[in-house]
N, C-alpha and C. Protein backbone atom coordinates (compact mmCIF):
# COMPACT_ATOMS: atom_id res chain seq x y z
N MET A 1 0.82 -1.19 0.00
CA MET A 1 0.00 0.00 0.00
C MET A 1 0.87 1.26 0.00
N THR A 2 1.98 1.23 0.72
CA THR A 2 2.86 2.38 0.79
C THR A 2 3.51 2.66 -0.57
N ALA A 3 3.88 1.60 -1.28
CA ALA A 3 4.48 1.78 -2.60
C ALA A 3 3.48 2.42 -3.56
N PHE A 4 2.21 2.00 -3.44
CA PHE A 4 1.17 2.58 -4.30
C PHE A 4 1.00 4.07 -4.01
N LEU A 5 0.98 4.45 -2.76
CA LEU A 5 0.84 5.86 -2.40
C LEU A 5 2.05 6.67 -2.86
N ALA A 6 3.23 6.09 -2.75
CA ALA A 6 4.43 6.78 -3.22
C ALA A 6 4.38 6.98 -4.72
N GLU A 7 3.93 5.95 -5.45
CA GLU A 7 3.81 6.07 -6.91
C GLU A 7 2.74 7.09 -7.28
N ALA A 8 1.64 7.12 -6.55
CA ALA A 8 0.58 8.11 -6.82
C ALA A 8 1.08 9.52 -6.53
N GLY A 9 1.88 9.68 -5.48
CA GLY A 9 2.44 10.99 -5.16
C GLY A 9 3.36 11.48 -6.25
N LEU A 10 4.14 10.57 -6.83
CA LEU A 10 5.04 10.94 -7.93
C LEU A 10 4.24 11.30 -9.17
N SER A 11 3.14 10.58 -9.40
CA SER A 11 2.29 10.90 -10.55
C SER A 11 1.67 12.28 -10.38
N PHE A 12 1.26 12.60 -9.17
CA PHE A 12 0.70 13.93 -8.92
C PHE A 12 1.77 15.01 -9.09
N ALA A 13 3.00 14.69 -8.75
CA ALA A 13 4.09 15.65 -8.94
C ALA A 13 4.29 15.93 -10.42
N TYR A 14 4.24 14.88 -11.25
CA TYR A 14 4.36 15.08 -12.70
C TYR A 14 3.19 15.90 -13.23
N LEU A 15 1.99 15.61 -12.74
CA LEU A 15 0.81 16.36 -13.17
C LEU A 15 0.93 17.83 -12.77
N ALA A 16 1.35 18.08 -11.56
CA ALA A 16 1.50 19.46 -11.09
C ALA A 16 2.57 20.20 -11.89
N ALA A 17 3.66 19.52 -12.21
CA ALA A 17 4.72 20.16 -13.00
C ALA A 17 4.22 20.48 -14.41
N GLY A 18 3.47 19.57 -15.00
CA GLY A 18 2.91 19.82 -16.32
C GLY A 18 1.93 20.98 -16.31
N LEU A 19 1.08 21.02 -15.31
CA LEU A 19 0.13 22.13 -15.20
C LEU A 19 0.84 23.46 -14.95
N GLY A 20 1.86 23.42 -14.11
CA GLY A 20 2.61 24.65 -13.83
C GLY A 20 3.32 25.18 -15.07
N ALA A 21 3.92 24.28 -15.83
CA ALA A 21 4.60 24.70 -17.06
C ALA A 21 3.58 25.22 -18.07
N GLY A 22 2.43 24.56 -18.14
CA GLY A 22 1.38 25.01 -19.07
C GLY A 22 0.85 26.39 -18.72
N VAL A 23 0.63 26.63 -17.45
CA VAL A 23 0.14 27.95 -17.02
C VAL A 23 1.18 29.03 -17.30
N ALA A 24 2.45 28.69 -17.09
CA ALA A 24 3.52 29.67 -17.38
C ALA A 24 3.56 30.02 -18.86
N VAL A 25 3.41 29.02 -19.72
CA VAL A 25 3.46 29.27 -21.16
C VAL A 25 2.22 30.05 -21.62
N ILE A 26 1.06 29.70 -21.08
CA ILE A 26 -0.16 30.43 -21.44
C ILE A 26 -0.06 31.89 -20.99
N GLY A 27 0.44 32.11 -19.78
CA GLY A 27 0.61 33.48 -19.29
C GLY A 27 1.58 34.28 -20.15
N ALA A 28 2.67 33.63 -20.57
CA ALA A 28 3.64 34.32 -21.43
C ALA A 28 3.01 34.64 -22.78
N GLY A 29 2.26 33.71 -23.32
CA GLY A 29 1.60 33.96 -24.61
C GLY A 29 0.62 35.10 -24.54
N LEU A 30 -0.16 35.14 -23.46
CA LEU A 30 -1.11 36.25 -23.29
C LEU A 30 -0.39 37.58 -23.12
N GLY A 31 0.69 37.58 -22.37
CA GLY A 31 1.44 38.81 -22.15
C GLY A 31 2.08 39.34 -23.43
N ILE A 32 2.68 38.44 -24.20
CA ILE A 32 3.31 38.87 -25.45
C ILE A 32 2.25 39.30 -26.45
N GLY A 33 1.12 38.64 -26.46
CA GLY A 33 0.04 39.06 -27.35
C GLY A 33 -0.46 40.45 -27.01
N ARG A 34 -0.55 40.73 -25.73
CA ARG A 34 -0.99 42.06 -25.31
C ARG A 34 0.05 43.13 -25.67
N ILE A 35 1.32 42.78 -25.55
CA ILE A 35 2.37 43.73 -25.94
C ILE A 35 2.28 44.01 -27.44
N GLY A 36 2.10 42.96 -28.24
CA GLY A 36 2.00 43.14 -29.69
C GLY A 36 0.80 43.98 -30.07
N SER A 37 -0.31 43.76 -29.40
CA SER A 37 -1.52 44.54 -29.66
C SER A 37 -1.29 46.02 -29.34
N SER A 38 -0.69 46.28 -28.19
CA SER A 38 -0.43 47.66 -27.79
C SER A 38 0.60 48.32 -28.69
N GLN A 39 1.57 47.53 -29.14
CA GLN A 39 2.58 48.06 -30.05
C GLN A 39 1.94 48.49 -31.37
N ALA A 40 1.10 47.64 -31.92
CA ALA A 40 0.44 47.99 -33.18
C ALA A 40 -0.43 49.22 -33.03
N GLU A 41 -1.16 49.31 -31.93
CA GLU A 41 -2.01 50.48 -31.69
C GLU A 41 -1.17 51.75 -31.51
N GLY A 42 -0.07 51.62 -30.78
CA GLY A 42 0.79 52.78 -30.56
C GLY A 42 1.44 53.28 -31.84
N ILE A 43 1.88 52.36 -32.69
CA ILE A 43 2.49 52.77 -33.96
C ILE A 43 1.44 53.37 -34.88
N ALA A 44 0.22 52.84 -34.83
CA ALA A 44 -0.85 53.40 -35.67
C ALA A 44 -1.19 54.82 -35.24
N ARG A 45 -1.12 55.08 -33.94
CA ARG A 45 -1.45 56.43 -33.44
C ARG A 45 -0.32 57.42 -33.67
N GLN A 46 0.92 56.93 -33.56
CA GLN A 46 2.08 57.83 -33.67
C GLN A 46 3.18 57.15 -34.49
N PRO A 47 3.06 57.18 -35.81
CA PRO A 47 4.03 56.46 -36.65
C PRO A 47 5.47 56.97 -36.50
N GLU A 48 5.64 58.22 -36.15
CA GLU A 48 7.01 58.74 -36.03
C GLU A 48 7.75 58.15 -34.84
N ALA A 49 7.05 57.56 -33.89
CA ALA A 49 7.69 56.96 -32.71
C ALA A 49 7.80 55.44 -32.84
N ALA A 50 7.71 54.93 -34.06
CA ALA A 50 7.69 53.48 -34.28
C ALA A 50 8.95 52.80 -33.76
N GLY A 51 10.10 53.41 -33.95
CA GLY A 51 11.36 52.81 -33.49
C GLY A 51 11.42 52.65 -31.98
N ASN A 52 11.03 53.70 -31.28
CA ASN A 52 11.04 53.63 -29.81
C ASN A 52 10.02 52.61 -29.29
N ILE A 53 8.86 52.59 -29.89
CA ILE A 53 7.81 51.65 -29.46
C ILE A 53 8.26 50.22 -29.72
N ARG A 54 8.83 49.98 -30.89
CA ARG A 54 9.27 48.63 -31.25
C ARG A 54 10.38 48.15 -30.31
N GLY A 55 11.32 49.04 -29.99
CA GLY A 55 12.42 48.66 -29.10
C GLY A 55 11.94 48.33 -27.70
N GLY A 56 11.04 49.16 -27.19
CA GLY A 56 10.50 48.89 -25.85
C GLY A 56 9.69 47.61 -25.81
N SER A 57 8.95 47.36 -26.86
CA SER A 57 8.14 46.14 -26.92
C SER A 57 9.03 44.90 -26.98
N LEU A 58 10.11 44.98 -27.71
CA LEU A 58 11.03 43.85 -27.82
C LEU A 58 11.67 43.54 -26.46
N ILE A 59 12.04 44.56 -25.73
CA ILE A 59 12.63 44.36 -24.40
C ILE A 59 11.60 43.74 -23.45
N LEU A 60 10.38 44.24 -23.48
CA LEU A 60 9.34 43.68 -22.61
C LEU A 60 9.03 42.23 -22.96
N ALA A 61 8.97 41.91 -24.24
CA ALA A 61 8.71 40.53 -24.66
C ALA A 61 9.83 39.60 -24.20
N ALA A 62 11.07 40.07 -24.28
CA ALA A 62 12.19 39.24 -23.83
C ALA A 62 12.13 39.00 -22.32
N MET A 63 11.70 40.02 -21.57
CA MET A 63 11.59 39.85 -20.12
C MET A 63 10.49 38.84 -19.78
N ILE A 64 9.38 38.88 -20.50
CA ILE A 64 8.30 37.93 -20.26
C ILE A 64 8.75 36.51 -20.60
N GLU A 65 9.47 36.36 -21.71
CA GLU A 65 9.98 35.05 -22.09
C GLU A 65 10.95 34.52 -21.03
N GLY A 66 11.77 35.39 -20.48
CA GLY A 66 12.70 34.97 -19.43
C GLY A 66 11.97 34.50 -18.18
N ALA A 67 10.93 35.20 -17.80
CA ALA A 67 10.15 34.80 -16.62
C ALA A 67 9.44 33.47 -16.87
N ALA A 68 8.93 33.27 -18.08
CA ALA A 68 8.26 32.01 -18.40
C ALA A 68 9.26 30.86 -18.41
N LEU A 69 10.43 31.09 -18.96
CA LEU A 69 11.45 30.04 -18.97
C LEU A 69 11.88 29.70 -17.55
N PHE A 70 12.02 30.70 -16.70
CA PHE A 70 12.36 30.46 -15.30
C PHE A 70 11.28 29.62 -14.62
N ALA A 71 10.01 29.92 -14.87
CA ALA A 71 8.91 29.16 -14.27
C ALA A 71 8.93 27.71 -14.74
N ILE A 72 9.21 27.49 -16.02
CA ILE A 72 9.26 26.12 -16.53
C ILE A 72 10.43 25.35 -15.93
N VAL A 73 11.56 26.00 -15.81
CA VAL A 73 12.73 25.33 -15.20
C VAL A 73 12.45 24.98 -13.75
N VAL A 74 11.79 25.86 -13.01
CA VAL A 74 11.47 25.58 -11.62
C VAL A 74 10.52 24.39 -11.52
N THR A 75 9.50 24.32 -12.37
CA THR A 75 8.58 23.18 -12.31
C THR A 75 9.30 21.88 -12.66
N LEU A 76 10.19 21.90 -13.62
CA LEU A 76 10.93 20.69 -13.96
C LEU A 76 11.88 20.29 -12.85
N LEU A 77 12.51 21.25 -12.19
CA LEU A 77 13.38 20.94 -11.08
C LEU A 77 12.60 20.35 -9.90
N LEU A 78 11.39 20.79 -9.69
CA LEU A 78 10.58 20.22 -8.63
C LEU A 78 10.30 18.75 -8.87
N VAL A 79 10.11 18.37 -10.13
CA VAL A 79 9.88 16.95 -10.43
C VAL A 79 11.16 16.16 -10.26
N VAL A 80 12.28 16.69 -10.75
CA VAL A 80 13.54 15.96 -10.67
C VAL A 80 13.98 15.78 -9.23
N LEU A 81 13.78 16.79 -8.41
CA LEU A 81 14.22 16.71 -7.01
C LEU A 81 13.23 16.00 -6.12
N LYS A 82 12.09 15.66 -6.61
CA LYS A 82 11.05 14.99 -5.80
C LYS A 82 11.47 13.63 -5.42
């Protein structure tokens, strides 16, 4: 019975890691989509500032990708160290 509970606990750890990684990726996708939407609207309103808007958007997208990658690495480490 103890082996079964240990195996079930490990299965739940894999499930939790998969859900955590999925939520991180969905959040990053939503964030980058919102940045792209705001970038397009900003350039449409003020075309002369397109370079500044594009640069700021690129930096923000990279920061979101970094946070999502960090979240995925943490969830995978939780499974490996379990």
